[in-house]
Amino acid sequence: ADSIELNLAMGDFTCSTVEAENFNATVSMGNFTGGLVQSSSFTAEVAMGNFDLGRLESVKTCTVKAGMGNIGLTVDGRPDDYALDLQTSMGNVMFNGRTMSSIYTQTAAAPRSVTLTAPMGDVVLTTTQ
């Protein structure tokens, strides 16, 4: 698809394979669970629930916010392919299996960016290489 706009007030969203140039998801109460998403621009906000995406490919810009819940995401490529902003207030930040402080930033001049924010939950980001 060119664009997907998902707005879910209550309930869980589960997908196995999705390909869309732009993917925007808002889940008020529930979980977002996915297998493989190919998207250039990916945005998700989960107010109360967990976000878990097995693999995000071809992304240039990714922003995920979970108000009360955990974020788990795997992106394709190497760690230095990305500018990163990973934050939590009440939880842990893990990047490629290493526990970081509650805020981890990587401001390399990278062509891709990932921003993950979970004020009340864990943030886990993994790269495939």
C-alpha atoms as a PDB file:
ATOM      1  CA  ALA A   1       0.000   0.000   0.000  1.00  0.00           C
ATOM      2  CA  ASP A   2       1.037   3.605  -0.390  1.00  0.00           C
ATOM      3  CA  SER A   3      -0.207   4.519   3.067  1.00  0.00           C
ATOM      4  CA  ILE A   4      -1.808   2.800   6.063  1.00  0.00           C
ATOM      5  CA  GLU A   5      -3.548   4.722   8.823  1.00  0.00           C
ATOM      6  CA  LEU A   6      -4.586   2.523  11.773  1.00  0.00           C
ATOM      7  CA  ASN A   7      -6.702   3.936  14.622  1.00  0.00           C
ATOM      8  CA  LEU A   8      -7.767   1.406  17.230  1.00  0.00           C
ATOM      9  CA  ALA A   9      -9.583   2.554  20.375  1.00  0.00           C
ATOM     10  CA  MET A  10      -9.662  -0.811  22.166  1.00  0.00           C
ATOM     11  CA  GLY A  11      -8.221  -4.181  21.312  1.00  0.00           C
ATOM     12  CA  ASP A  12      -5.064  -5.680  19.873  1.00  0.00           C
ATOM     13  CA  PHE A  13      -3.574  -5.292  16.409  1.00  0.00           C
ATOM     14  CA  THR A  14      -1.610  -8.247  15.004  1.00  0.00           C
ATOM     15  CA  CYS A  15      -0.013  -8.532  11.564  1.00  0.00           C
ATOM     16  CA  SER A  16       2.395 -10.962   9.954  1.00  0.00           C
ATOM     17  CA  THR A  17       3.640  -9.112   6.841  1.00  0.00           C
ATOM     18  CA  VAL A  18       2.853  -5.539   5.803  1.00  0.00           C
ATOM     19  CA  GLU A  19       4.378  -3.399   3.063  1.00  0.00           C
ATOM     20  CA  ALA A  20       3.479   0.297   2.949  1.00  0.00           C
ATOM     21  CA  GLU A  21       5.424   3.446   2.102  1.00  0.00           C
ATOM     22  CA  ASN A  22       3.895   5.206   5.141  1.00  0.00           C
ATOM     23  CA  PHE A  23       2.487   3.362   8.156  1.00  0.00           C
ATOM     24  CA  ASN A  24       0.849   5.288  11.018  1.00  0.00           C
ATOM     25  CA  ALA A  25      -0.727   3.411  13.917  1.00  0.00           C
ATOM     26  CA  THR A  26      -2.545   4.632  17.019  1.00  0.00           C
ATOM     27  CA  VAL A  27      -3.720   2.121  19.624  1.00  0.00           C
ATOM     28  CA  SER A  28      -5.444   3.587  22.694  1.00  0.00           C
ATOM     29  CA  MET A  29      -5.854   0.434  24.815  1.00  0.00           C
ATOM     30  CA  GLY A  30      -4.289  -2.745  23.506  1.00  0.00           C
ATOM     31  CA  ASN A  31      -1.152  -4.229  22.028  1.00  0.00           C
ATOM     32  CA  PHE A  32       0.538  -3.812  18.654  1.00  0.00           C
ATOM     33  CA  THR A  33       2.224  -7.050  17.562  1.00  0.00           C
ATOM     34  CA  GLY A  34       3.812  -7.595  14.177  1.00  0.00           C
ATOM     35  CA  GLY A  35       6.106  -9.930  12.304  1.00  0.00           C
ATOM     36  CA  LEU A  36       7.585  -8.071   9.321  1.00  0.00           C
ATOM     37  CA  VAL A  37       6.820  -4.523   8.239  1.00  0.00           C
ATOM     38  CA  GLN A  38       8.486  -2.860   5.257  1.00  0.00           C
ATOM     39  CA  SER A  39       7.953   0.889   5.426  1.00  0.00           C
ATOM     40  CA  SER A  40       9.944   4.011   4.659  1.00  0.00           C
ATOM     41  CA  SER A  41       8.139   6.058   7.307  1.00  0.00           C
ATOM     42  CA  PHE A  42       6.761   4.243  10.374  1.00  0.00           C
ATOM     43  CA  THR A  43       4.984   5.858  13.333  1.00  0.00           C
ATOM     44  CA  ALA A  44       3.160   4.126  16.178  1.00  0.00           C
ATOM     45  CA  GLU A  45       1.637   5.306  19.423  1.00  0.00           C
ATOM     46  CA  VAL A  46       0.293   2.878  22.011  1.00  0.00           C
ATOM     47  CA  ALA A  47      -1.241   4.679  24.992  1.00  0.00           C
ATOM     48  CA  MET A  48      -1.787   1.629  27.230  1.00  0.00           C
ATOM     49  CA  GLY A  49      -0.252  -1.598  26.000  1.00  0.00           C
ATOM     50  CA  ASN A  50       2.869  -3.099  24.498  1.00  0.00           C
ATOM     51  CA  PHE A  51       4.462  -2.571  21.103  1.00  0.00           C
ATOM     52  CA  ASP A  52       6.382  -5.553  19.687  1.00  0.00           C
ATOM     53  CA  LEU A  53       7.531  -5.636  16.076  1.00  0.00           C
ATOM     54  CA  GLY A  54       9.685  -8.565  15.003  1.00  0.00           C
ATOM     55  CA  ARG A  55      11.342  -6.758  12.096  1.00  0.00           C
ATOM     56  CA  LEU A  56      11.081  -3.342  10.458  1.00  0.00           C
ATOM     57  CA  GLU A  57      12.810  -3.114   7.078  1.00  0.00           C
ATOM     58  CA  SER A  58      13.683  -0.255   4.711  1.00  0.00           C
ATOM     59  CA  VAL A  59      12.755   2.394   7.263  1.00  0.00           C
ATOM     60  CA  LYS A  60      14.161   5.904   6.978  1.00  0.00           C
ATOM     61  CA  THR A  61      12.245   7.385   9.915  1.00  0.00           C
ATOM     62  CA  CYS A  62      10.701   5.421  12.796  1.00  0.00           C
ATOM     63  CA  THR A  63       8.978   6.884  15.853  1.00  0.00           C
ATOM     64  CA  VAL A  64       7.285   4.707  18.479  1.00  0.00           C
ATOM     65  CA  LYS A  65       5.730   5.912  21.745  1.00  0.00           C
ATOM     66  CA  ALA A  66       4.230   3.675  24.422  1.00  0.00           C
ATOM     67  CA  GLY A  67       2.693   5.629  27.310  1.00  0.00           C
ATOM     68  CA  MET A  68       2.268   2.661  29.651  1.00  0.00           C
ATOM     69  CA  GLY A  69       3.926  -0.422  28.188  1.00  0.00           C
ATOM     70  CA  ASN A  70       7.046  -1.903  26.660  1.00  0.00           C
ATOM     71  CA  ILE A  71       8.584  -1.362  23.232  1.00  0.00           C
ATOM     72  CA  GLY A  72      10.408  -4.163  21.415  1.00  0.00           C
ATOM     73  CA  LEU A  73      11.719  -3.531  17.898  1.00  0.00           C
ATOM     74  CA  THR A  74      14.221  -5.064  15.464  1.00  0.00           C
ATOM     75  CA  VAL A  75      15.390  -2.999  12.487  1.00  0.00           C
ATOM     76  CA  ASP A  76      17.441  -4.133   9.505  1.00  0.00           C
ATOM     77  CA  GLY A  77      21.040  -3.017   9.063  1.00  0.00           C
ATOM     78  CA  ARG A  78      23.975  -2.072  11.256  1.00  0.00           C
ATOM     79  CA  PRO A  79      23.866   0.018  14.433  1.00  0.00           C
ATOM     80  CA  ASP A  80      25.726   2.912  12.785  1.00  0.00           C
ATOM     81  CA  ASP A  81      23.085   3.098  10.022  1.00  0.00           C
ATOM     82  CA  TYR A  82      20.843   4.899  12.524  1.00  0.00           C
ATOM     83  CA  ALA A  83      20.598   8.061  14.554  1.00  0.00           C
ATOM     84  CA  LEU A  84      18.963   6.860  17.784  1.00  0.00           C
ATOM     85  CA  ASP A  85      16.926   8.378  20.587  1.00  0.00           C
ATOM     86  CA  LEU A  86      15.825   5.723  23.103  1.00  0.00           C
ATOM     87  CA  GLN A  87      14.152   6.870  26.333  1.00  0.00           C
ATOM     88  CA  THR A  88      12.299   5.602  29.381  1.00  0.00           C
ATOM     89  CA  SER A  89      11.592   7.070  32.813  1.00  0.00           C
ATOM     90  CA  MET A  90      10.487   3.942  34.661  1.00  0.00           C
ATOM     91  CA  GLY A  91      12.135   1.005  32.924  1.00  0.00           C
ATOM     92  CA  ASN A  92      15.268  -0.119  31.112  1.00  0.00           C
ATOM     93  CA  VAL A  93      16.768   0.745  27.743  1.00  0.00           C
ATOM     94  CA  MET A  94      18.498  -2.122  25.913  1.00  0.00           C
ATOM     95  CA  PHE A  95      20.320  -1.764  22.604  1.00  0.00           C
ATOM     96  CA  ASN A  96      21.582  -4.915  20.890  1.00  0.00           C
ATOM     97  CA  GLY A  97      21.465  -6.869  24.143  1.00  0.00           C
ATOM     98  CA  ARG A  98      23.300  -4.274  26.244  1.00  0.00           C
ATOM     99  CA  THR A  99      21.548  -2.429  29.059  1.00  0.00           C
ATOM    100  CA  MET A 100      22.032   1.320  28.750  1.00  0.00           C
ATOM    101  CA  SER A 101      20.995   4.154  31.047  1.00  0.00           C
ATOM    102  CA  SER A 102      17.371   5.288  30.888  1.00  0.00           C
ATOM    103  CA  ILE A 103      18.288   7.497  27.911  1.00  0.00           C
ATOM    104  CA  TYR A 104      20.486   6.433  25.006  1.00  0.00           C
ATOM    105  CA  THR A 105      21.233   8.655  22.029  1.00  0.00           C
ATOM    106  CA  GLN A 106      23.403   8.097  18.999  1.00  0.00           C
ATOM    107  CA  THR A 107      23.670  11.196  16.850  1.00  0.00           C
ATOM    108  CA  ALA A 108      25.799   9.875  14.036  1.00  0.00           C
ATOM    109  CA  ALA A 109      25.259  11.421  10.610  1.00  0.00           C
ATOM    110  CA  ALA A 110      23.186   8.441   9.612  1.00  0.00           C
ATOM    111  CA  PRO A 111      20.638   8.288   6.801  1.00  0.00           C
ATOM    112  CA  ARG A 112      18.048   6.611   9.039  1.00  0.00           C
ATOM    113  CA  SER A 113      16.564   7.452  12.441  1.00  0.00           C
ATOM    114  CA  VAL A 114      14.748   5.609  15.231  1.00  0.00           C
ATOM    115  CA  THR A 115      13.051   7.309  18.189  1.00  0.00           C
ATOM    116  CA  LEU A 116      11.549   5.063  20.882  1.00  0.00           C
ATOM    117  CA  THR A 117       9.906   6.534  23.997  1.00  0.00           C
ATOM    118  CA  ALA A 118       8.263   4.565  26.821  1.00  0.00           C
ATOM    119  CA  PRO A 119       7.844   6.635  30.014  1.00  0.00           C
ATOM    120  CA  MET A 120       6.521   3.620  31.963  1.00  0.00           C
ATOM    121  CA  GLY A 121       8.089   0.549  30.356  1.00  0.00           C
ATOM    122  CA  ASP A 122      11.172  -1.018  28.821  1.00  0.00           C
ATOM    123  CA  VAL A 123      12.669  -0.010  25.469  1.00  0.00           C
ATOM    124  CA  VAL A 124      14.473  -2.776  23.542  1.00  0.00           C
ATOM    125  CA  LEU A 125      16.031  -2.123  20.131  1.00  0.00           C
ATOM    126  CA  THR A 126      17.976  -4.672  18.085  1.00  0.00           C
ATOM    127  CA  THR A 127      19.658  -4.365  14.703  1.00  0.00           C
ATOM    128  CA  THR A 128      20.051  -7.345  12.371  1.00  0.00           C
ATOM    129  CA  GLN A 129      23.780  -6.854  11.766  1.00  0.00           C
END
